[in-house]
Amino acid sequence: MRPEDTDGTGGSGLQVPMTWLSTEYIADELLRTGDLMEPSTLEFRAGRDALALTMFLCAFPGDTSAARALPERRVDELRMLTAYECTWRSWVCERLAEAGRCTAPGDPDLALARAAWRWLEETELLAADLDAIGPASWEPSADAEEGEVRVWTPAWQLGLPLGHLAVHLC
């Protein structure tokens, strides 16, 4: 982020997105501690960004406690928000819109949160097609192919379950 021009007029100088950075750090630590995915993978990034975005938006507006610690009520809330078939995507969109209305233009925390959401939404990763799971492996299927069916999936659909597991393991 570029520093704002203060011109000696009493500007506040460089804005540092501490809320986002600390939230992202906590999400990173949760995923590393859970040892769910190699940290150098795109899947790990998807999990970290999905979890950080969830924690950041839980704390918004005005409540930065979720960025500093994970009290039990926050853990329960994160488990609920990241649960399978949750309405997480629409919740994120609503909370980002609310955050945009409640913060000053150019807020660096919100800018990084929006960038994370754009990456999660626009990036597709090759993953197993969970909708194509057929009969149990011991039951023969007439149209079964050898190998696993894979599809391109938005990064958030892979990252969200990783975040959910990491929260369960904390």
N, C-alpha and C. Protein backbone atom coordinates (compact mmCIF):
# COMPACT_ATOMS: atom_id res chain seq x y z
N MET A 1 0.84 -1.16 0.00
CA MET A 1 0.00 0.00 0.00
C MET A 1 0.89 1.23 0.00
N ARG A 2 0.52 2.17 -0.78
CA ARG A 2 1.29 3.40 -0.87
C ARG A 2 0.89 4.33 0.27
N PRO A 3 1.87 5.05 0.82
CA PRO A 3 1.54 5.99 1.88
C PRO A 3 0.70 7.13 1.34
N GLU A 4 -0.16 7.62 2.19
CA GLU A 4 -0.97 8.77 1.81
C GLU A 4 -0.11 10.02 1.81
N ASP A 5 -0.45 10.96 0.96
CA ASP A 5 0.26 12.23 0.90
C ASP A 5 -0.17 13.07 2.09
N THR A 6 0.77 13.35 2.99
CA THR A 6 0.42 14.14 4.16
C THR A 6 0.67 15.62 3.95
N ASP A 7 1.64 15.98 3.09
CA ASP A 7 1.86 17.37 2.70
C ASP A 7 1.97 18.31 3.88
N GLY A 8 2.30 17.77 5.05
CA GLY A 8 2.41 18.61 6.23
C GLY A 8 1.07 19.10 6.75
N THR A 9 -0.02 18.51 6.30
CA THR A 9 -1.35 18.98 6.72
C THR A 9 -1.94 18.12 7.82
N GLY A 10 -1.10 17.37 8.51
CA GLY A 10 -1.61 16.59 9.63
C GLY A 10 -2.23 15.28 9.23
N GLY A 11 -1.86 14.73 8.07
CA GLY A 11 -2.38 13.43 7.64
C GLY A 11 -1.91 12.33 8.57
N SER A 12 -2.55 11.21 8.53
CA SER A 12 -2.23 10.12 9.45
C SER A 12 -1.12 9.22 8.95
N GLY A 13 -0.56 9.47 7.78
CA GLY A 13 0.54 8.66 7.28
C GLY A 13 0.07 7.32 6.76
N LEU A 14 0.98 6.38 6.76
CA LEU A 14 0.72 5.05 6.23
C LEU A 14 -0.29 4.30 7.10
N GLN A 15 -1.31 3.76 6.47
CA GLN A 15 -2.28 2.94 7.19
C GLN A 15 -1.83 1.48 7.11
N VAL A 16 -1.72 0.84 8.25
CA VAL A 16 -1.29 -0.55 8.30
C VAL A 16 -2.50 -1.42 8.62
N PRO A 17 -2.75 -2.44 7.79
CA PRO A 17 -3.92 -3.29 7.98
C PRO A 17 -3.70 -4.34 9.08
N MET A 18 -3.55 -3.89 10.31
CA MET A 18 -3.21 -4.79 11.41
C MET A 18 -4.31 -5.81 11.71
N THR A 19 -5.57 -5.43 11.59
CA THR A 19 -6.64 -6.38 11.87
C THR A 19 -6.58 -7.53 10.89
N TRP A 20 -6.45 -7.22 9.60
CA TRP A 20 -6.39 -8.29 8.60
C TRP A 20 -5.13 -9.13 8.79
N LEU A 21 -3.99 -8.48 8.97
CA LEU A 21 -2.74 -9.22 9.10
C LEU A 21 -2.73 -10.15 10.30
N SER A 22 -3.27 -9.69 11.43
CA SER A 22 -3.30 -10.57 12.61
C SER A 22 -4.31 -11.69 12.43
N THR A 23 -5.42 -11.42 11.77
CA THR A 23 -6.41 -12.46 11.50
C THR A 23 -5.83 -13.51 10.55
N GLU A 24 -5.14 -13.05 9.53
CA GLU A 24 -4.51 -13.97 8.58
C GLU A 24 -3.44 -14.82 9.27
N TYR A 25 -2.71 -14.22 10.19
CA TYR A 25 -1.70 -14.95 10.95
C TYR A 25 -2.33 -16.06 11.79
N ILE A 26 -3.42 -15.75 12.48
CA ILE A 26 -4.10 -16.75 13.30
C ILE A 26 -4.62 -17.89 12.43
N ALA A 27 -5.21 -17.56 11.28
CA ALA A 27 -5.70 -18.59 10.36
C ALA A 27 -4.56 -19.47 9.86
N ASP A 28 -3.44 -18.84 9.53
CA ASP A 28 -2.26 -19.58 9.08
C ASP A 28 -1.78 -20.54 10.17
N GLU A 29 -1.71 -20.06 11.40
CA GLU A 29 -1.25 -20.88 12.53
C GLU A 29 -2.21 -22.05 12.79
N LEU A 30 -3.50 -21.80 12.69
CA LEU A 30 -4.48 -22.88 12.89
C LEU A 30 -4.28 -23.99 11.85
N LEU A 31 -4.10 -23.59 10.60
CA LEU A 31 -3.91 -24.59 9.55
C LEU A 31 -2.58 -25.32 9.69
N ARG A 32 -1.53 -24.60 10.06
CA ARG A 32 -0.22 -25.25 10.25
C ARG A 32 -0.26 -26.22 11.43
N THR A 33 -0.90 -25.80 12.51
CA THR A 33 -1.00 -26.65 13.70
C THR A 33 -1.79 -27.90 13.39
N GLY A 34 -2.86 -27.76 12.61
CA GLY A 34 -3.67 -28.92 12.25
C GLY A 34 -2.98 -29.86 11.28
N ASP A 35 -1.92 -29.37 10.61
CA ASP A 35 -1.15 -30.18 9.67
C ASP A 35 -2.06 -30.84 8.64
N LEU A 36 -3.00 -30.06 8.12
CA LEU A 36 -3.98 -30.59 7.18
C LEU A 36 -3.50 -30.56 5.73
N MET A 37 -2.58 -29.66 5.44
CA MET A 37 -2.16 -29.46 4.06
C MET A 37 -0.75 -28.87 4.08
N GLU A 38 0.01 -29.18 3.08
CA GLU A 38 1.35 -28.61 2.96
C GLU A 38 1.22 -27.09 2.77
N PRO A 39 1.92 -26.29 3.58
CA PRO A 39 1.78 -24.82 3.51
C PRO A 39 2.12 -24.19 2.17
N SER A 40 2.84 -24.88 1.32
CA SER A 40 3.22 -24.30 0.03
C SER A 40 2.18 -24.51 -1.06
N THR A 41 1.06 -25.14 -0.76
CA THR A 41 0.06 -25.46 -1.78
C THR A 41 -1.01 -24.37 -1.91
N LEU A 42 -1.65 -24.36 -3.06
CA LEU A 42 -2.77 -23.44 -3.26
C LEU A 42 -3.94 -23.81 -2.37
N GLU A 43 -4.10 -25.08 -2.07
CA GLU A 43 -5.17 -25.51 -1.19
C GLU A 43 -4.99 -24.92 0.21
N PHE A 44 -3.74 -24.89 0.69
CA PHE A 44 -3.45 -24.29 1.99
C PHE A 44 -3.83 -22.81 1.95
N ARG A 45 -3.42 -22.12 0.89
CA ARG A 45 -3.76 -20.69 0.76
C ARG A 45 -5.28 -20.50 0.77
N ALA A 46 -5.99 -21.37 0.07
CA ALA A 46 -7.44 -21.27 0.03
C ALA A 46 -8.03 -21.45 1.43
N GLY A 47 -7.51 -22.42 2.18
CA GLY A 47 -7.98 -22.63 3.55
C GLY A 47 -7.67 -21.44 4.45
N ARG A 48 -6.44 -20.93 4.34
CA ARG A 48 -6.04 -19.78 5.16
C ARG A 48 -6.89 -18.56 4.82
N ASP A 49 -7.09 -18.28 3.54
CA ASP A 49 -7.86 -17.10 3.16
C ASP A 49 -9.32 -17.24 3.56
N ALA A 50 -9.89 -18.43 3.39
CA ALA A 50 -11.30 -18.63 3.76
C ALA A 50 -11.48 -18.47 5.27
N LEU A 51 -10.56 -19.03 6.03
CA LEU A 51 -10.66 -18.93 7.49
C LEU A 51 -10.40 -17.50 7.96
N ALA A 52 -9.39 -16.85 7.39
CA ALA A 52 -9.09 -15.46 7.76
C ALA A 52 -10.25 -14.55 7.41
N LEU A 53 -10.83 -14.74 6.25
CA LEU A 53 -11.97 -13.92 5.84
C LEU A 53 -13.15 -14.12 6.78
N THR A 54 -13.39 -15.36 7.17
CA THR A 54 -14.48 -15.65 8.11
C THR A 54 -14.22 -14.98 9.45
N MET A 55 -13.01 -15.11 9.97
CA MET A 55 -12.69 -14.49 11.26
C MET A 55 -12.76 -12.97 11.18
N PHE A 56 -12.26 -12.41 10.09
CA PHE A 56 -12.28 -10.96 9.92
C PHE A 56 -13.71 -10.45 9.88
N LEU A 57 -14.56 -11.11 9.12
CA LEU A 57 -15.95 -10.65 8.98
C LEU A 57 -16.79 -10.94 10.22
N CYS A 58 -16.42 -11.94 11.01
CA CYS A 58 -17.09 -12.17 12.30
C CYS A 58 -16.83 -11.00 13.23
N ALA A 59 -15.64 -10.46 13.16
CA ALA A 59 -15.23 -9.39 14.07
C ALA A 59 -15.72 -8.03 13.61
N PHE A 60 -16.27 -7.92 12.43
CA PHE A 60 -16.63 -6.63 11.89
C PHE A 60 -18.05 -6.29 12.24
N PRO A 61 -18.42 -5.08 12.47
CA PRO A 61 -17.60 -3.89 12.58
C PRO A 61 -17.24 -3.60 14.03
N GLY A 62 -16.10 -3.05 14.26
CA GLY A 62 -15.72 -2.54 15.56
C GLY A 62 -15.23 -3.55 16.58
N ASP A 63 -15.40 -4.82 16.36
CA ASP A 63 -14.99 -5.83 17.33
C ASP A 63 -13.73 -6.51 16.81
N THR A 64 -12.58 -6.16 17.36
CA THR A 64 -11.33 -6.75 16.90
C THR A 64 -10.88 -7.90 17.79
N SER A 65 -11.70 -8.35 18.72
CA SER A 65 -11.28 -9.42 19.62
C SER A 65 -11.03 -10.72 18.88
N ALA A 66 -11.77 -10.98 17.82
CA ALA A 66 -11.57 -12.22 17.08
C ALA A 66 -10.23 -12.24 16.37
N ALA A 67 -9.68 -11.08 16.09
CA ALA A 67 -8.39 -11.04 15.43
C ALA A 67 -7.25 -11.30 16.41
N ARG A 68 -7.49 -11.15 17.70
CA ARG A 68 -6.43 -11.33 18.68
C ARG A 68 -6.48 -12.69 19.36
N ALA A 69 -7.63 -13.28 19.46
CA ALA A 69 -7.75 -14.55 20.18
C ALA A 69 -8.98 -15.28 19.69
N LEU A 70 -9.05 -16.54 20.04
CA LEU A 70 -10.21 -17.34 19.68
C LEU A 70 -10.88 -17.86 20.94
N PRO A 71 -11.71 -17.01 21.57
CA PRO A 71 -12.46 -17.49 22.72
C PRO A 71 -13.47 -18.55 22.27
N GLU A 72 -13.95 -19.32 23.21
CA GLU A 72 -14.84 -20.44 22.88
C GLU A 72 -16.06 -20.02 22.06
N ARG A 73 -16.63 -18.87 22.37
CA ARG A 73 -17.81 -18.45 21.59
C ARG A 73 -17.44 -18.18 20.14
N ARG A 74 -16.22 -17.70 19.88
CA ARG A 74 -15.75 -17.47 18.51
C ARG A 74 -15.51 -18.79 17.81
N VAL A 75 -14.93 -19.76 18.52
CA VAL A 75 -14.69 -21.07 17.93
C VAL A 75 -16.01 -21.69 17.51
N ASP A 76 -17.02 -21.63 18.37
CA ASP A 76 -18.34 -22.17 18.02
C ASP A 76 -18.94 -21.46 16.81
N GLU A 77 -18.79 -20.14 16.78
CA GLU A 77 -19.31 -19.37 15.65
C GLU A 77 -18.58 -19.73 14.35
N LEU A 78 -17.28 -19.89 14.43
CA LEU A 78 -16.50 -20.27 13.24
C LEU A 78 -16.88 -21.67 12.77
N ARG A 79 -17.10 -22.58 13.70
CA ARG A 79 -17.53 -23.94 13.32
C ARG A 79 -18.86 -23.90 12.58
N MET A 80 -19.78 -23.09 13.09
CA MET A 80 -21.09 -23.00 12.46
C MET A 80 -21.00 -22.36 11.08
N LEU A 81 -20.23 -21.27 10.96
CA LEU A 81 -20.14 -20.55 9.69
C LEU A 81 -19.43 -21.35 8.61
N THR A 82 -18.48 -22.18 9.00
CA THR A 82 -17.70 -22.92 8.00
C THR A 82 -18.22 -24.34 7.78
N ALA A 83 -19.33 -24.68 8.40
CA ALA A 83 -19.88 -26.04 8.28
C ALA A 83 -20.32 -26.31 6.84
N TYR A 84 -20.27 -27.58 6.45
CA TYR A 84 -20.67 -28.00 5.11
C TYR A 84 -22.12 -27.59 4.85
N GLU A 85 -22.36 -27.14 3.65
CA GLU A 85 -23.67 -26.68 3.18
C GLU A 85 -24.16 -25.44 3.91
N CYS A 86 -23.26 -24.76 4.55
CA CYS A 86 -23.60 -23.48 5.18
C CYS A 86 -23.75 -22.44 4.08
N THR A 87 -24.37 -21.37 4.38
CA THR A 87 -24.56 -20.30 3.40
C THR A 87 -23.40 -19.32 3.47
N TRP A 88 -22.21 -19.86 3.57
CA TRP A 88 -21.00 -19.05 3.77
C TRP A 88 -20.79 -18.04 2.68
N ARG A 89 -20.94 -18.42 1.43
CA ARG A 89 -20.68 -17.51 0.31
C ARG A 89 -21.57 -16.29 0.37
N SER A 90 -22.85 -16.48 0.56
CA SER A 90 -23.76 -15.32 0.63
C SER A 90 -23.50 -14.51 1.90
N TRP A 91 -23.13 -15.17 2.99
CA TRP A 91 -22.79 -14.47 4.22
C TRP A 91 -21.59 -13.57 4.01
N VAL A 92 -20.55 -14.08 3.32
CA VAL A 92 -19.36 -13.28 3.03
C VAL A 92 -19.74 -12.06 2.20
N CYS A 93 -20.52 -12.27 1.16
CA CYS A 93 -20.91 -11.14 0.29
C CYS A 93 -21.67 -10.08 1.08
N GLU A 94 -22.60 -10.51 1.93
CA GLU A 94 -23.37 -9.55 2.74
C GLU A 94 -22.48 -8.79 3.72
N ARG A 95 -21.58 -9.51 4.38
CA ARG A 95 -20.70 -8.87 5.36
C ARG A 95 -19.70 -7.92 4.70
N LEU A 96 -19.20 -8.28 3.52
CA LEU A 96 -18.29 -7.37 2.81
C LEU A 96 -19.02 -6.10 2.39
N ALA A 97 -20.26 -6.25 1.95
CA ALA A 97 -21.05 -5.07 1.58
C ALA A 97 -21.29 -4.19 2.80
N GLU A 98 -21.63 -4.81 3.93
CA GLU A 98 -21.83 -4.06 5.17
C GLU A 98 -20.55 -3.36 5.60
N ALA A 99 -19.43 -4.07 5.49
CA ALA A 99 -18.14 -3.48 5.86
C ALA A 99 -17.84 -2.27 4.98
N GLY A 100 -18.16 -2.37 3.71
CA GLY A 100 -17.93 -1.26 2.79
C GLY A 100 -18.73 -0.03 3.17
N ARG A 101 -19.94 -0.25 3.69
CA ARG A 101 -20.78 0.88 4.10
C ARG A 101 -20.31 1.50 5.42
N CYS A 102 -19.66 0.71 6.26
CA CYS A 102 -19.31 1.15 7.61
C CYS A 102 -17.87 1.65 7.76
N THR A 103 -17.05 1.51 6.74
CA THR A 103 -15.66 1.94 6.86
C THR A 103 -15.37 3.09 5.92
N ALA A 104 -14.30 3.76 6.23
CA ALA A 104 -13.87 4.86 5.38
C ALA A 104 -13.33 4.32 4.06
N PRO A 105 -13.47 5.08 2.99
CA PRO A 105 -12.90 4.64 1.71
C PRO A 105 -11.39 4.42 1.84
N GLY A 106 -10.90 3.38 1.20
CA GLY A 106 -9.48 3.09 1.24
C GLY A 106 -9.02 2.35 2.48
N ASP A 107 -9.94 1.82 3.28
CA ASP A 107 -9.55 1.07 4.48
C ASP A 107 -8.67 -0.10 4.06
N PRO A 108 -7.43 -0.18 4.57
CA PRO A 108 -6.51 -1.23 4.12
C PRO A 108 -6.93 -2.64 4.55
N ASP A 109 -7.56 -2.79 5.71
CA ASP A 109 -8.02 -4.11 6.14
C ASP A 109 -9.09 -4.64 5.18
N LEU A 110 -10.03 -3.77 4.88
CA LEU A 110 -11.11 -4.17 3.98
C LEU A 110 -10.58 -4.44 2.57
N ALA A 111 -9.61 -3.66 2.14
CA ALA A 111 -9.01 -3.89 0.81
C ALA A 111 -8.38 -5.28 0.73
N LEU A 112 -7.67 -5.68 1.77
CA LEU A 112 -7.06 -7.02 1.77
C LEU A 112 -8.12 -8.12 1.89
N ALA A 113 -9.16 -7.88 2.65
CA ALA A 113 -10.25 -8.86 2.75
C ALA A 113 -10.93 -9.03 1.40
N ARG A 114 -11.17 -7.92 0.71
CA ARG A 114 -11.79 -8.01 -0.62
C ARG A 114 -10.87 -8.72 -1.61
N ALA A 115 -9.56 -8.45 -1.52
CA ALA A 115 -8.61 -9.13 -2.41
C ALA A 115 -8.62 -10.64 -2.14
N ALA A 116 -8.68 -11.03 -0.88
CA ALA A 116 -8.74 -12.46 -0.54
C ALA A 116 -10.02 -13.07 -1.10
N TRP A 117 -11.13 -12.38 -0.98
CA TRP A 117 -12.40 -12.90 -1.50
C TRP A 117 -12.35 -13.03 -3.01
N ARG A 118 -11.79 -12.02 -3.70
CA ARG A 118 -11.66 -12.11 -5.16
C ARG A 118 -10.84 -13.34 -5.56
N TRP A 119 -9.73 -13.57 -4.85
CA TRP A 119 -8.89 -14.72 -5.17
C TRP A 119 -9.66 -16.02 -4.93
N LEU A 120 -10.35 -16.11 -3.80
CA LEU A 120 -11.11 -17.32 -3.48
C LEU A 120 -12.22 -17.58 -4.50
N GLU A 121 -12.82 -16.54 -4.98
CA GLU A 121 -13.95 -16.68 -5.90
C GLU A 121 -13.49 -16.92 -7.35
N GLU A 122 -12.42 -16.25 -7.76
CA GLU A 122 -12.00 -16.30 -9.16
C GLU A 122 -11.02 -17.42 -9.46
N THR A 123 -10.32 -17.92 -8.48
CA THR A 123 -9.34 -18.99 -8.69
C THR A 123 -10.03 -20.34 -8.62
N GLU A 124 -9.75 -21.18 -9.59
CA GLU A 124 -10.31 -22.52 -9.60
C GLU A 124 -9.18 -23.53 -9.43
N LEU A 125 -9.43 -24.52 -8.60
CA LEU A 125 -8.46 -25.58 -8.33
C LEU A 125 -9.06 -26.92 -8.76
N LEU A 126 -8.22 -27.80 -9.25
CA LEU A 126 -8.66 -29.12 -9.67
C LEU A 126 -8.85 -29.99 -8.43
N ALA A 127 -10.06 -30.53 -8.28
CA ALA A 127 -10.37 -31.30 -7.07
C ALA A 127 -11.28 -32.47 -7.42
N ALA A 128 -11.39 -33.38 -6.48
CA ALA A 128 -12.30 -34.51 -6.65
C ALA A 128 -13.72 -33.99 -6.75
N ASP A 129 -14.50 -34.57 -7.63
CA ASP A 129 -15.90 -34.18 -7.79
C ASP A 129 -16.73 -34.94 -6.77
N LEU A 130 -17.04 -34.28 -5.68
CA LEU A 130 -17.80 -34.94 -4.61
C LEU A 130 -19.23 -35.25 -5.02
N ASP A 131 -19.75 -34.52 -6.01
CA ASP A 131 -21.10 -34.81 -6.50
C ASP A 131 -21.15 -36.07 -7.36
N ALA A 132 -20.00 -36.52 -7.83
CA ALA A 132 -19.96 -37.69 -8.70
C ALA A 132 -19.74 -38.98 -7.93
N ILE A 133 -19.69 -38.89 -6.62
CA ILE A 133 -19.48 -40.10 -5.83
C ILE A 133 -20.69 -41.00 -5.99
N GLY A 134 -20.44 -42.21 -6.42
CA GLY A 134 -21.52 -43.15 -6.69
C GLY A 134 -21.65 -44.18 -5.59
N PRO A 135 -21.96 -45.41 -5.96
CA PRO A 135 -22.12 -46.47 -4.98
C PRO A 135 -20.81 -46.77 -4.27
N ALA A 136 -20.93 -47.42 -3.13
CA ALA A 136 -19.74 -47.77 -2.36
C ALA A 136 -18.80 -48.61 -3.21
N SER A 137 -17.51 -48.54 -2.90
CA SER A 137 -16.50 -49.21 -3.73
C SER A 137 -16.71 -50.72 -3.82
N TRP A 138 -17.37 -51.33 -2.88
CA TRP A 138 -17.60 -52.77 -2.94
C TRP A 138 -18.82 -53.13 -3.79
N GLU A 139 -19.58 -52.11 -4.19
CA GLU A 139 -20.72 -52.35 -5.08
C GLU A 139 -20.31 -51.96 -6.50
N PRO A 140 -20.35 -52.90 -7.44
CA PRO A 140 -19.95 -52.58 -8.81
C PRO A 140 -20.95 -51.61 -9.45
N SER A 141 -20.42 -50.74 -10.27
CA SER A 141 -21.25 -49.78 -10.99
C SER A 141 -21.06 -50.00 -12.48
N ALA A 142 -22.13 -49.99 -13.23
CA ALA A 142 -22.08 -50.26 -14.66
C ALA A 142 -21.29 -49.18 -15.41
N ASP A 143 -21.39 -47.93 -14.98
CA ASP A 143 -20.73 -46.85 -15.71
C ASP A 143 -19.51 -46.29 -14.97
N ALA A 144 -18.99 -47.08 -14.04
CA ALA A 144 -17.84 -46.59 -13.26
C ALA A 144 -16.58 -46.59 -14.13
N GLU A 145 -15.84 -45.51 -14.04
CA GLU A 145 -14.57 -45.39 -14.74
C GLU A 145 -13.46 -45.68 -13.76
N GLU A 146 -12.32 -46.07 -14.29
CA GLU A 146 -11.15 -46.23 -13.43
C GLU A 146 -10.68 -44.85 -13.04
N GLY A 147 -10.35 -44.68 -11.78
CA GLY A 147 -9.81 -43.40 -11.32
C GLY A 147 -10.89 -42.48 -10.79
N GLU A 148 -10.42 -41.38 -10.33
CA GLU A 148 -11.27 -40.41 -9.66
C GLU A 148 -11.73 -39.34 -10.65
N VAL A 149 -12.98 -38.92 -10.53
CA VAL A 149 -13.51 -37.85 -11.36
C VAL A 149 -13.09 -36.53 -10.73
N ARG A 150 -12.49 -35.66 -11.53
CA ARG A 150 -11.99 -34.38 -11.01
C ARG A 150 -12.64 -33.24 -11.80
N VAL A 151 -12.88 -32.15 -11.09
CA VAL A 151 -13.49 -30.96 -11.70
C VAL A 151 -12.77 -29.71 -11.21
N TRP A 152 -12.92 -28.64 -11.96
CA TRP A 152 -12.39 -27.35 -11.52
C TRP A 152 -13.38 -26.75 -10.54
N THR A 153 -12.89 -26.38 -9.37
CA THR A 153 -13.73 -25.91 -8.27
C THR A 153 -13.22 -24.57 -7.78
N PRO A 154 -14.12 -23.63 -7.48
CA PRO A 154 -13.66 -22.36 -6.90
C PRO A 154 -12.85 -22.63 -5.63
N ALA A 155 -11.80 -21.86 -5.44
CA ALA A 155 -10.88 -22.08 -4.32
C ALA A 155 -11.60 -22.07 -2.98
N TRP A 156 -12.62 -21.25 -2.83
CA TRP A 156 -13.29 -21.17 -1.53
C TRP A 156 -13.98 -22.50 -1.18
N GLN A 157 -14.41 -23.26 -2.20
CA GLN A 157 -15.08 -24.53 -1.92
C GLN A 157 -14.11 -25.58 -1.39
N LEU A 158 -12.82 -25.41 -1.65
CA LEU A 158 -11.81 -26.29 -1.07
C LEU A 158 -11.29 -25.73 0.25
N GLY A 159 -11.16 -24.41 0.30
CA GLY A 159 -10.60 -23.78 1.48
C GLY A 159 -11.52 -23.81 2.68
N LEU A 160 -12.80 -23.71 2.44
CA LEU A 160 -13.76 -23.67 3.55
C LEU A 160 -13.73 -24.95 4.39
N PRO A 161 -13.75 -26.15 3.79
CA PRO A 161 -13.66 -27.36 4.62
C PRO A 161 -12.33 -27.46 5.37
N LEU A 162 -11.24 -27.00 4.75
CA LEU A 162 -9.96 -27.01 5.45
C LEU A 162 -10.00 -26.10 6.66
N GLY A 163 -10.58 -24.91 6.49
CA GLY A 163 -10.73 -24.00 7.62
C GLY A 163 -11.60 -24.60 8.71
N HIS A 164 -12.66 -25.26 8.31
CA HIS A 164 -13.56 -25.89 9.27
C HIS A 164 -12.83 -26.97 10.08
N LEU A 165 -12.07 -27.80 9.39
CA LEU A 165 -11.29 -28.83 10.12
C LEU A 165 -10.26 -28.22 11.04
N ALA A 166 -9.61 -27.15 10.59
CA ALA A 166 -8.60 -26.51 11.43
C ALA A 166 -9.23 -25.95 12.70
N VAL A 167 -10.43 -25.39 12.59
CA VAL A 167 -11.13 -24.86 13.76
C VAL A 167 -11.48 -26.01 14.71
N HIS A 168 -11.91 -27.13 14.18
CA HIS A 168 -12.23 -28.29 15.01
C HIS A 168 -11.01 -28.82 15.75
N LEU A 169 -9.84 -28.69 15.14
CA LEU A 169 -8.62 -29.20 15.74
C LEU A 169 -7.98 -28.24 16.74
N CYS A 170 -8.46 -26.98 16.79
CA CYS A 170 -7.81 -26.03 17.68
C CYS A 170 -8.18 -26.27 19.15
